[in-house]
Amino acid sequence: MEPATDTLDLLKQTALRLWGEAEMFLGTLLRPWNAWQLVILAGLALLAWLLYRLLAPRLYDWMRAREGWPKWQLRWMVVIHRRLPMVIFVALIWLTVWIMREVTWPSRSYLLGVVANLATAWLVISFVTRLIGNPLLRTVARYGAWIWVSLAILGLTGQAATLLDRAAINIGQVRLSLWLVLQAAVLLALLILVARFLATTTAARIRRNEDISPSMQVLAVKFLQVMLYGAAFFLALRIVGVDLTGLAVLSGAIGVGLGFGLQKVVSNLVSGIILLLDRSIKPGDVISLGETFGWINALGARYVSITTRDGKEYLIPNEDLITGQVVNWSHSNDFVRLDIYFGTAYADDPHAVRRIAVEAARGVPRVLSDRDPVCHIVGFGDSSVDYILRFWIRDPTGGLTNIRGNVYLALWDAFRDNGISIPFPQREVKVLEGSTLATSAPRDPAPGD
């Protein structure tokens, strides 16, 4: 109960102090020069708004005329244009503070100086936080920095830190306070930004290195990201003084529980590492798994992204690629042999059929000329002589169904030009002697039909 009592006492003391300072501030407003400072602030705000209305359209037109500027410069000009009222106000108030300190006593511009410091700090924070890409993280960092800088300028950081430190809970021998959590969050955010910058820069260099295979590039980038973000997390905890021994025991217990509940997730993670290490598949490979045929778009930690010819993107778990039968059309080379089947009439010369089929396949684009197509008889059917035509391509990413269709169309044109027929099953119906063929007489229409 003692920590709670101390916290309540501190809250009361802080509240009383703030109330006393508020009463003192309200009392000082009745003084002539403080009232004049408020009037000056209102006048500066109105003047800043009028100047914004005057300058904003001209600045916007000037920005639209900068066609050759890089995008990042135009982006920052847009940011400045949106915060132009605050920029003008900060410039005006600092000019006013400088003039008043030169012509009168410094105490007569004290209130203006506090407002100038607050406005400048808020403006700088709004610009700096624009470097944060995540919108949620940017908003949290912006408002958190505004609050802390405001407390620092008003001289309330010590009381705020003490108050946050008093609000704490004990977990075994570990003491967690709001002040500790806040420090850890700020340090973690800063270290994550640094880790993200290093990971992005290093990943770009790795992807530009042609000596590293695509699968090893993905593995190296993923490993680098895990190491940098993990180091940022543990380094932030160590800086704020968190005992990692108890955290290690707690994380071990949590890991055991998650291991039982997330077996599939862990299996997919391990399968993804195996796929990256053995390089059986890599980005750009053409694979087929069951009824899915397409090329690999990206290798993820949990799944593989496959894009098909019809534009669909399938996210296949890594475990399915390890345990299932995968056909990699471009694993060791890009050569792919395709087979198509057809049949001709028994009256057609099979030697001529084979020769015409091979010549027709040679004339189709994408069919390799250095690997001649071959045609063989594979059986004698009920109504046709059955053949198989085999040919090679080396661009499976261009599709398989379309090249088969083009070869079939070439066969159709070649057989038509050479008088070779493609038979189809026919049936003869014989009427035995003495039997009659009965037909049903048409029914008279009923009344009302």
Protein backbone atom coordinates (compact mmCIF):
# COMPACT_ATOMS: atom_id res chain seq x y z
CA MET A 1 0.00 0.00 0.00
CA GLU A 2 2.95 2.35 0.54
CA PRO A 3 3.80 2.83 -3.18
CA ALA A 4 0.15 3.60 -3.90
CA THR A 5 0.02 6.12 -1.04
CA ASP A 6 3.23 7.79 -2.24
CA THR A 7 1.80 8.02 -5.75
CA LEU A 8 -1.40 9.63 -4.51
CA ASP A 9 0.59 12.11 -2.42
CA LEU A 10 2.72 12.99 -5.43
CA LEU A 11 -0.41 13.47 -7.55
CA LYS A 12 -1.86 15.79 -4.94
CA GLN A 13 1.36 17.78 -4.70
CA THR A 14 1.66 18.08 -8.47
CA ALA A 15 -1.98 19.12 -8.81
CA LEU A 16 -1.63 21.74 -6.08
CA ARG A 17 1.51 23.10 -7.66
CA LEU A 18 -0.11 23.33 -11.08
CA TRP A 19 -3.15 25.03 -9.56
CA GLY A 20 -0.94 27.49 -7.75
CA GLU A 21 1.01 28.27 -10.90
CA ALA A 22 -2.25 28.65 -12.84
CA GLU A 23 -3.56 31.12 -10.24
CA MET A 24 -0.29 33.01 -10.37
CA PHE A 25 -0.40 33.07 -14.16
CA LEU A 26 -3.99 34.29 -14.21
CA GLY A 27 -3.06 36.94 -11.69
CA THR A 28 -0.14 38.14 -13.78
CA LEU A 29 -2.41 38.50 -16.79
CA LEU A 30 -4.00 41.46 -15.06
CA ARG A 31 -0.71 43.30 -15.26
CA PRO A 32 -0.56 45.78 -18.14
CA TRP A 33 2.41 44.35 -20.00
CA ASN A 34 1.13 40.74 -19.80
CA ALA A 35 -2.21 41.85 -21.16
CA TRP A 36 -0.39 43.70 -23.94
CA GLN A 37 1.56 40.52 -24.74
CA LEU A 38 -1.72 38.63 -25.17
CA VAL A 39 -2.96 41.36 -27.49
CA ILE A 40 0.30 41.16 -29.44
CA LEU A 41 -0.06 37.37 -29.72
CA ALA A 42 -3.59 37.74 -31.09
CA GLY A 43 -2.40 40.37 -33.54
CA LEU A 44 0.51 38.19 -34.70
CA ALA A 45 -1.83 35.23 -35.22
CA LEU A 46 -4.19 37.38 -37.29
CA LEU A 47 -1.29 38.84 -39.31
CA ALA A 48 0.12 35.35 -39.95
CA TRP A 49 -3.28 34.20 -41.23
CA LEU A 50 -3.59 37.22 -43.55
CA LEU A 51 -0.08 36.69 -44.91
CA TYR A 52 -0.87 33.01 -45.47
CA ARG A 53 -3.97 33.90 -47.49
CA LEU A 54 -1.82 36.27 -49.54
CA LEU A 55 1.25 34.08 -50.08
CA ALA A 56 -0.24 30.56 -50.27
CA PRO A 57 -1.71 30.87 -53.83
CA ARG A 58 1.50 32.40 -55.18
CA LEU A 59 3.61 29.66 -53.56
CA TYR A 60 1.27 27.01 -54.96
CA ASP A 61 1.56 28.41 -58.50
CA TRP A 62 5.34 28.59 -58.15
CA MET A 63 5.42 24.93 -57.04
CA ARG A 64 3.34 23.83 -60.04
CA ALA A 65 5.86 25.47 -62.36
CA ARG A 66 8.77 23.43 -60.93
CA GLU A 67 8.39 20.51 -63.37
CA GLY A 68 12.05 19.50 -63.43
CA TRP A 69 12.50 19.23 -59.68
CA PRO A 70 13.03 15.82 -58.02
CA LYS A 71 10.01 14.30 -56.30
CA TRP A 72 11.50 14.55 -52.81
CA GLN A 73 11.98 18.30 -53.19
CA LEU A 74 8.40 18.78 -54.39
CA ARG A 75 7.18 16.61 -51.51
CA TRP A 76 8.93 18.80 -48.97
CA MET A 77 7.58 21.93 -50.64
CA VAL A 78 4.07 20.51 -50.21
CA VAL A 79 4.81 19.94 -46.51
CA ILE A 80 6.01 23.53 -46.15
CA HIS A 81 2.93 24.81 -47.99
CA ARG A 82 0.62 22.95 -45.59
CA ARG A 83 2.42 24.38 -42.54
CA LEU A 84 2.90 27.85 -43.97
CA PRO A 85 0.70 29.58 -41.32
CA MET A 86 2.85 28.18 -38.49
CA VAL A 87 6.05 29.07 -40.37
CA ILE A 88 4.90 32.68 -40.79
CA PHE A 89 3.75 32.88 -37.16
CA VAL A 90 7.09 31.58 -35.84
CA ALA A 91 9.01 34.09 -37.97
CA LEU A 92 6.79 36.98 -36.84
CA ILE A 93 6.87 36.13 -33.15
CA TRP A 94 10.66 35.75 -33.02
CA LEU A 95 11.04 39.07 -34.84
CA THR A 96 8.69 40.66 -32.30
CA VAL A 97 10.54 39.12 -29.34
CA TRP A 98 13.87 40.38 -30.69
CA ILE A 99 12.54 43.92 -31.18
CA MET A 100 10.92 44.04 -27.73
CA ARG A 101 14.08 42.78 -26.01
CA GLU A 102 16.04 45.52 -27.77
CA VAL A 103 13.71 48.40 -26.93
CA THR A 104 12.29 47.37 -23.53
CA TRP A 105 12.86 45.12 -20.51
CA PRO A 106 13.18 41.33 -21.12
CA SER A 107 10.43 40.62 -18.60
CA ARG A 108 7.94 42.47 -20.79
CA SER A 109 8.41 39.82 -23.53
CA TYR A 110 8.61 36.74 -21.27
CA LEU A 111 5.23 35.36 -22.31
CA LEU A 112 6.00 35.95 -25.97
CA GLY A 113 9.31 34.07 -25.55
CA VAL A 114 7.58 31.04 -24.04
CA VAL A 115 5.04 30.94 -26.86
CA ALA A 116 7.84 31.39 -29.43
CA ASN A 117 9.77 28.45 -27.99
CA LEU A 118 6.67 26.27 -27.96
CA ALA A 119 5.69 27.19 -31.53
CA THR A 120 9.23 26.63 -32.81
CA ALA A 121 9.52 23.25 -31.11
CA TRP A 122 6.15 22.10 -32.46
CA LEU A 123 7.08 23.24 -35.97
CA VAL A 124 10.45 21.45 -35.92
CA ILE A 125 8.85 18.26 -34.58
CA SER A 126 6.19 18.33 -37.31
CA PHE A 127 8.94 18.51 -39.95
CA VAL A 128 11.21 15.89 -38.39
CA THR A 129 8.44 13.33 -37.90
CA ARG A 130 7.67 13.49 -41.61
CA LEU A 131 10.73 11.25 -42.04
CA ILE A 132 8.81 8.40 -40.37
CA GLY A 133 7.07 6.34 -43.06
CA ASN A 134 4.50 4.52 -40.91
CA PRO A 135 1.45 6.82 -40.37
CA LEU A 136 0.58 5.39 -36.93
CA LEU A 137 4.16 5.54 -35.68
CA ARG A 138 4.51 9.06 -37.09
CA THR A 139 1.41 10.26 -35.23
CA VAL A 140 2.48 8.67 -31.93
CA ALA A 141 6.00 10.11 -32.21
CA ARG A 142 4.70 13.56 -33.12
CA TYR A 143 2.25 13.93 -30.26
CA GLY A 144 4.62 12.30 -27.77
CA ALA A 145 7.40 14.71 -28.73
CA TRP A 146 5.02 17.67 -28.54
CA ILE A 147 3.97 16.73 -25.01
CA TRP A 148 7.50 16.14 -23.77
CA VAL A 149 8.93 19.32 -25.32
CA SER A 150 6.05 21.35 -23.89
CA LEU A 151 6.75 19.94 -20.42
CA ALA A 152 10.45 20.70 -20.84
CA ILE A 153 9.83 24.32 -21.87
CA LEU A 154 7.38 24.81 -18.99
CA GLY A 155 9.81 23.20 -16.50
CA LEU A 156 7.59 20.25 -15.56
CA THR A 157 9.74 17.34 -16.77
CA GLY A 158 11.02 16.44 -13.30
CA GLN A 159 7.55 16.19 -11.79
CA ALA A 160 6.25 14.26 -14.82
CA ALA A 161 9.16 11.77 -14.70
CA THR A 162 8.70 11.23 -10.96
CA LEU A 163 4.98 10.73 -11.37
CA LEU A 164 5.42 8.20 -14.18
CA ASP A 165 8.09 6.36 -12.22
CA ARG A 166 5.79 6.04 -9.20
CA ALA A 167 3.15 4.30 -11.34
CA ALA A 168 4.82 0.88 -11.37
CA ILE A 169 4.11 -2.82 -10.84
CA ASN A 170 6.42 -5.55 -9.61
CA ILE A 171 6.65 -8.89 -11.45
CA GLY A 172 8.89 -11.01 -9.29
CA GLN A 173 12.13 -9.08 -9.05
CA VAL A 174 11.35 -6.98 -12.11
CA ARG A 175 9.89 -3.50 -11.57
CA LEU A 176 7.98 -2.02 -14.49
CA SER A 177 6.97 1.62 -14.36
CA LEU A 178 5.30 3.87 -16.88
CA TRP A 179 8.49 5.95 -17.05
CA LEU A 180 10.53 2.83 -17.87
CA VAL A 181 8.04 1.70 -20.50
CA LEU A 182 7.99 5.18 -22.05
CA GLN A 183 11.79 5.33 -22.21
CA ALA A 184 11.93 1.84 -23.72
CA ALA A 185 9.29 2.73 -26.32
CA VAL A 186 11.13 5.90 -27.40
CA LEU A 187 14.51 4.17 -27.58
CA LEU A 188 12.98 1.21 -29.39
CA ALA A 189 11.36 3.49 -31.97
CA LEU A 190 14.65 5.30 -32.61
CA LEU A 191 16.66 2.07 -32.84
CA ILE A 192 14.07 0.49 -35.14
CA LEU A 193 14.35 3.50 -37.45
CA VAL A 194 18.12 3.05 -37.53
CA ALA A 195 17.76 -0.71 -38.07
CA ARG A 196 15.26 -0.14 -40.87
CA PHE A 197 17.57 2.32 -42.59
CA LEU A 198 20.52 -0.09 -42.35
CA ALA A 199 18.40 -3.05 -43.49
CA THR A 200 17.03 -1.15 -46.50
CA THR A 201 20.45 0.12 -47.56
CA THR A 202 22.16 -3.25 -47.15
CA ALA A 203 19.30 -5.13 -48.85
CA ALA A 204 19.57 -2.87 -51.89
CA ARG A 205 23.29 -3.64 -52.15
CA ILE A 206 22.67 -7.37 -51.77
CA ARG A 207 20.05 -7.37 -54.54
CA ARG A 208 22.45 -5.56 -56.86
CA ASN A 209 25.12 -8.22 -56.34
CA GLU A 210 24.81 -10.57 -59.33
CA ASP A 211 27.20 -13.11 -57.78
CA ILE A 212 24.56 -14.06 -55.18
CA SER A 213 21.68 -16.25 -56.36
CA PRO A 214 18.11 -14.87 -55.95
CA SER A 215 17.22 -17.39 -53.23
CA MET A 216 20.36 -16.59 -51.23
CA GLN A 217 19.62 -12.89 -51.64
CA VAL A 218 16.20 -13.40 -50.06
CA LEU A 219 17.72 -15.48 -47.24
CA ALA A 220 20.44 -12.91 -46.58
CA VAL A 221 17.94 -10.04 -46.50
CA LYS A 222 15.58 -11.90 -44.14
CA PHE A 223 18.44 -12.91 -41.84
CA LEU A 224 19.75 -9.34 -41.81
CA GLN A 225 16.33 -7.93 -40.93
CA VAL A 226 15.84 -10.41 -38.06
CA MET A 227 19.30 -9.67 -36.65
CA LEU A 228 18.96 -5.87 -36.86
CA TYR A 229 15.44 -5.67 -35.43
CA GLY A 230 16.27 -8.19 -32.70
CA ALA A 231 19.42 -6.26 -31.77
CA ALA A 232 17.39 -3.01 -31.65
CA PHE A 233 14.84 -4.59 -29.30
CA PHE A 234 17.33 -6.06 -26.83
CA LEU A 235 19.62 -3.00 -26.97
CA ALA A 236 16.69 -0.72 -26.07
CA LEU A 237 15.85 -2.90 -23.08
CA ARG A 238 19.46 -2.96 -21.91
CA ILE A 239 19.83 0.82 -22.17
CA VAL A 240 16.81 1.47 -19.95
CA GLY A 241 18.09 -1.09 -17.41
CA VAL A 242 15.71 -4.02 -17.87
CA ASP A 243 17.09 -7.31 -16.50
CA LEU A 244 17.09 -9.67 -19.47
CA THR A 245 17.58 -12.76 -17.28
CA GLY A 246 14.01 -12.74 -16.07
CA LEU A 247 12.85 -11.81 -19.54
CA ALA A 248 14.68 -14.82 -20.97
CA VAL A 249 12.92 -17.18 -18.55
CA LEU A 250 9.57 -15.60 -19.32
CA SER A 251 10.14 -15.70 -23.09
CA GLY A 252 11.18 -19.36 -22.81
CA ALA A 253 7.92 -20.24 -21.09
CA ILE A 254 5.95 -18.25 -23.65
CA GLY A 255 7.91 -19.92 -26.46
CA VAL A 256 6.95 -23.39 -25.23
CA GLY A 257 3.29 -22.43 -25.18
CA LEU A 258 3.45 -20.85 -28.61
CA GLY A 259 5.30 -23.90 -29.96
CA PHE A 260 2.30 -26.11 -29.24
CA GLY A 261 -0.26 -23.61 -30.47
CA LEU A 262 1.57 -22.43 -33.58
CA GLN A 263 2.99 -25.65 -34.98
CA LYS A 264 1.89 -24.87 -38.52
CA VAL A 265 3.36 -21.39 -38.39
CA VAL A 266 6.70 -22.69 -37.09
CA SER A 267 6.65 -25.46 -39.69
CA ASN A 268 6.14 -22.92 -42.46
CA LEU A 269 8.96 -20.74 -41.10
CA VAL A 270 11.39 -23.67 -40.97
CA SER A 271 10.25 -24.84 -44.42
CA GLY A 272 10.88 -21.36 -45.79
CA ILE A 273 14.45 -21.41 -44.46
CA ILE A 274 15.00 -24.85 -46.01
CA LEU A 275 13.72 -23.67 -49.38
CA LEU A 276 16.08 -20.71 -49.28
CA LEU A 277 19.05 -22.83 -48.27
CA ASP A 278 18.67 -25.70 -50.77
CA ARG A 279 17.74 -23.26 -53.60
CA SER A 280 15.23 -25.71 -55.05
CA ILE A 281 12.99 -22.79 -55.97
CA LYS A 282 13.79 -19.11 -56.40
CA PRO A 283 12.01 -15.96 -57.58
CA GLY A 284 11.29 -16.18 -61.29
CA ASP A 285 11.05 -20.00 -61.46
CA VAL A 286 8.05 -21.53 -63.22
CA ILE A 287 6.47 -24.24 -61.08
CA SER A 288 3.29 -26.26 -60.91
CA LEU A 289 1.80 -27.63 -57.71
CA GLY A 290 -1.35 -29.63 -58.23
CA GLU A 291 -3.66 -27.54 -60.41
CA THR A 292 -1.65 -24.34 -59.83
CA PHE A 293 0.78 -23.31 -62.54
CA GLY A 294 2.69 -20.04 -62.55
CA TRP A 295 5.93 -18.31 -61.75
CA ILE A 296 7.27 -17.43 -58.32
CA ASN A 297 6.82 -13.77 -57.52
CA ALA A 298 8.33 -13.64 -54.02
CA LEU A 299 9.56 -15.92 -51.24
CA GLY A 300 8.12 -15.03 -47.84
CA ALA A 301 8.83 -16.26 -44.34
CA ARG A 302 5.51 -18.13 -44.24
CA TYR A 303 4.39 -18.53 -47.84
CA VAL A 304 5.46 -18.38 -51.47
CA SER A 305 3.68 -15.97 -53.80
CA ILE A 306 2.87 -17.53 -57.21
CA THR A 307 1.34 -15.52 -60.05
CA THR A 308 -0.56 -17.45 -62.73
CA ARG A 309 -1.17 -16.57 -66.34
CA ASP A 310 -4.67 -15.27 -65.56
CA GLY A 311 -3.31 -12.72 -63.08
CA LYS A 312 -4.27 -14.57 -59.91
CA GLU A 313 -1.78 -14.57 -57.05
CA TYR A 314 -1.67 -17.70 -54.91
CA LEU A 315 -0.07 -17.66 -51.45
CA ILE A 316 1.08 -21.25 -50.97
CA PRO A 317 2.40 -22.24 -47.50
CA ASN A 318 6.05 -23.22 -47.49
CA GLU A 319 5.24 -26.57 -45.91
CA ASP A 320 3.23 -27.61 -49.00
CA LEU A 321 6.27 -27.00 -51.20
CA ILE A 322 8.41 -29.19 -48.92
CA THR A 323 5.99 -32.10 -48.51
CA GLY A 324 4.18 -31.93 -51.88
CA GLN A 325 5.29 -32.89 -55.37
CA VAL A 326 6.42 -29.72 -57.10
CA VAL A 327 7.29 -29.50 -60.77
CA ASN A 328 9.93 -26.83 -61.33
CA TRP A 329 9.99 -26.14 -65.04
CA SER A 330 13.11 -23.97 -64.79
CA HIS A 331 15.12 -25.45 -61.90
CA SER A 332 18.37 -26.41 -63.65
CA ASN A 333 17.62 -24.99 -67.13
CA ASP A 334 14.83 -23.34 -69.09
CA PHE A 335 14.31 -26.18 -71.60
CA VAL A 336 10.85 -27.75 -71.45
CA ARG A 337 9.55 -30.60 -73.61
CA LEU A 338 5.85 -30.67 -74.38
CA ASP A 339 3.76 -33.57 -75.75
CA ILE A 340 0.53 -33.40 -77.74
CA TYR A 341 -1.57 -36.26 -79.03
CA PHE A 342 -3.60 -36.56 -82.21
CA GLY A 343 -4.97 -39.19 -84.58
CA THR A 344 -5.41 -39.60 -88.37
CA ALA A 345 -7.43 -41.92 -90.56
CA TYR A 346 -6.17 -45.38 -91.44
CA ALA A 347 -6.18 -44.44 -95.13
CA ASP A 348 -3.48 -41.81 -94.60
CA ASP A 349 0.20 -42.68 -95.02
CA PRO A 350 1.79 -42.66 -91.50
CA HIS A 351 5.20 -41.72 -92.92
CA ALA A 352 3.72 -38.62 -94.53
CA VAL A 353 1.75 -37.82 -91.38
CA ARG A 354 4.91 -37.89 -89.25
CA ARG A 355 6.85 -35.72 -91.69
CA ILE A 356 4.04 -33.15 -92.06
CA ALA A 357 3.52 -32.96 -88.26
CA VAL A 358 7.22 -32.30 -87.64
CA GLU A 359 7.36 -29.59 -90.32
CA ALA A 360 4.22 -27.95 -88.94
CA ALA A 361 5.69 -27.84 -85.42
CA ARG A 362 8.94 -26.32 -86.70
CA GLY A 363 7.06 -23.37 -88.17
CA VAL A 364 5.47 -22.37 -84.86
CA PRO A 365 7.20 -19.52 -82.97
CA ARG A 366 8.75 -20.47 -79.59
CA VAL A 367 9.39 -24.05 -80.78
CA LEU A 368 13.15 -24.60 -80.72
CA SER A 369 14.76 -25.30 -84.07
CA ASP A 370 18.00 -26.71 -82.62
CA ARG A 371 16.02 -29.47 -80.92
CA ASP A 372 13.94 -30.97 -83.71
CA PRO A 373 10.39 -32.06 -82.93
CA VAL A 374 9.72 -35.79 -83.21
CA CYS A 375 6.52 -37.67 -84.01
CA HIS A 376 5.82 -41.34 -83.19
CA ILE A 377 2.93 -43.78 -83.54
CA VAL A 378 1.69 -44.78 -80.10
CA GLY A 379 -1.24 -47.04 -80.96
CA PHE A 380 -3.99 -48.15 -83.30
CA GLY A 381 -7.33 -46.90 -82.04
CA ASP A 382 -10.86 -47.86 -82.95
CA SER A 383 -11.16 -45.21 -85.62
CA SER A 384 -7.69 -43.64 -85.96
CA VAL A 385 -3.97 -44.17 -85.90
CA ASP A 386 -2.74 -42.43 -82.73
CA TYR A 387 0.41 -40.27 -82.71
CA ILE A 388 2.46 -38.27 -80.19
CA LEU A 389 4.27 -35.09 -81.21
CA ARG A 390 7.08 -33.89 -78.99
CA PHE A 391 8.75 -30.48 -79.20
CA TRP A 392 10.93 -28.22 -77.03
CA ILE A 393 10.61 -24.64 -75.78
CA ARG A 394 12.83 -22.61 -73.44
CA ASP A 395 10.45 -19.93 -72.18
CA PRO A 396 7.87 -21.63 -69.93
CA THR A 397 7.04 -18.24 -68.42
CA GLY A 398 5.32 -17.45 -71.72
CA GLY A 399 2.72 -20.14 -71.00
CA LEU A 400 2.18 -23.76 -71.97
CA THR A 401 -1.45 -23.87 -73.03
CA ASN A 402 -1.00 -21.19 -75.68
CA ILE A 403 1.97 -22.94 -77.35
CA ARG A 404 0.09 -26.25 -77.40
CA GLY A 405 -2.86 -24.49 -79.01
CA ASN A 406 -0.60 -22.91 -81.65
CA VAL A 407 0.91 -26.30 -82.54
CA TYR A 408 -2.54 -27.90 -82.78
CA LEU A 409 -3.62 -25.06 -85.09
CA ALA A 410 -0.52 -25.56 -87.24
CA LEU A 411 -1.32 -29.29 -87.49
CA TRP A 412 -4.87 -28.51 -88.54
CA ASP A 413 -3.70 -26.20 -91.34
CA ALA A 414 -1.00 -28.64 -92.51
CA PHE A 415 -3.36 -31.65 -92.58
CA ARG A 416 -6.00 -29.67 -94.45
CA ASP A 417 -3.47 -28.54 -97.09
CA ASN A 418 -2.18 -32.12 -97.58
CA GLY A 419 -5.53 -33.90 -97.57
CA ILE A 420 -5.02 -35.73 -94.27
CA SER A 421 -8.20 -36.28 -92.33
CA ILE A 422 -8.72 -36.36 -88.60
CA PRO A 423 -11.37 -39.04 -88.01
CA PHE A 424 -14.01 -39.19 -85.35
CA PRO A 425 -15.97 -42.19 -84.07
CA GLN A 426 -18.82 -43.28 -86.36
CA ARG A 427 -21.63 -45.76 -85.69
CA GLU A 428 -23.74 -47.80 -88.18
CA VAL A 429 -27.28 -48.84 -87.35
CA LYS A 430 -28.56 -51.95 -89.19
CA VAL A 431 -32.24 -52.84 -89.37
CA LEU A 432 -32.63 -56.64 -89.32
CA GLU A 433 -34.85 -58.37 -91.86
CA GLY A 434 -38.41 -58.70 -90.62
CA SER A 435 -38.14 -55.86 -88.07
CA THR A 436 -40.10 -52.65 -88.36
CA LEU A 437 -39.15 -49.14 -87.44
CA ALA A 438 -41.95 -47.63 -85.40
CA THR A 439 -42.43 -43.91 -85.20
CA SER A 440 -44.79 -42.04 -82.90
CA ALA A 441 -47.63 -40.19 -84.61
CA PRO A 442 -47.94 -36.49 -83.86
CA ARG A 443 -50.42 -35.76 -81.06
CA ASP A 444 -53.46 -33.64 -81.87
CA PRO A 445 -53.36 -30.38 -80.04
CA ALA A 446 -55.62 -30.31 -77.03
CA PRO A 447 -58.19 -27.56 -76.67
CA GLY A 448 -56.60 -24.53 -75.22
CA ASP A 449 -53.03 -25.39 -76.44
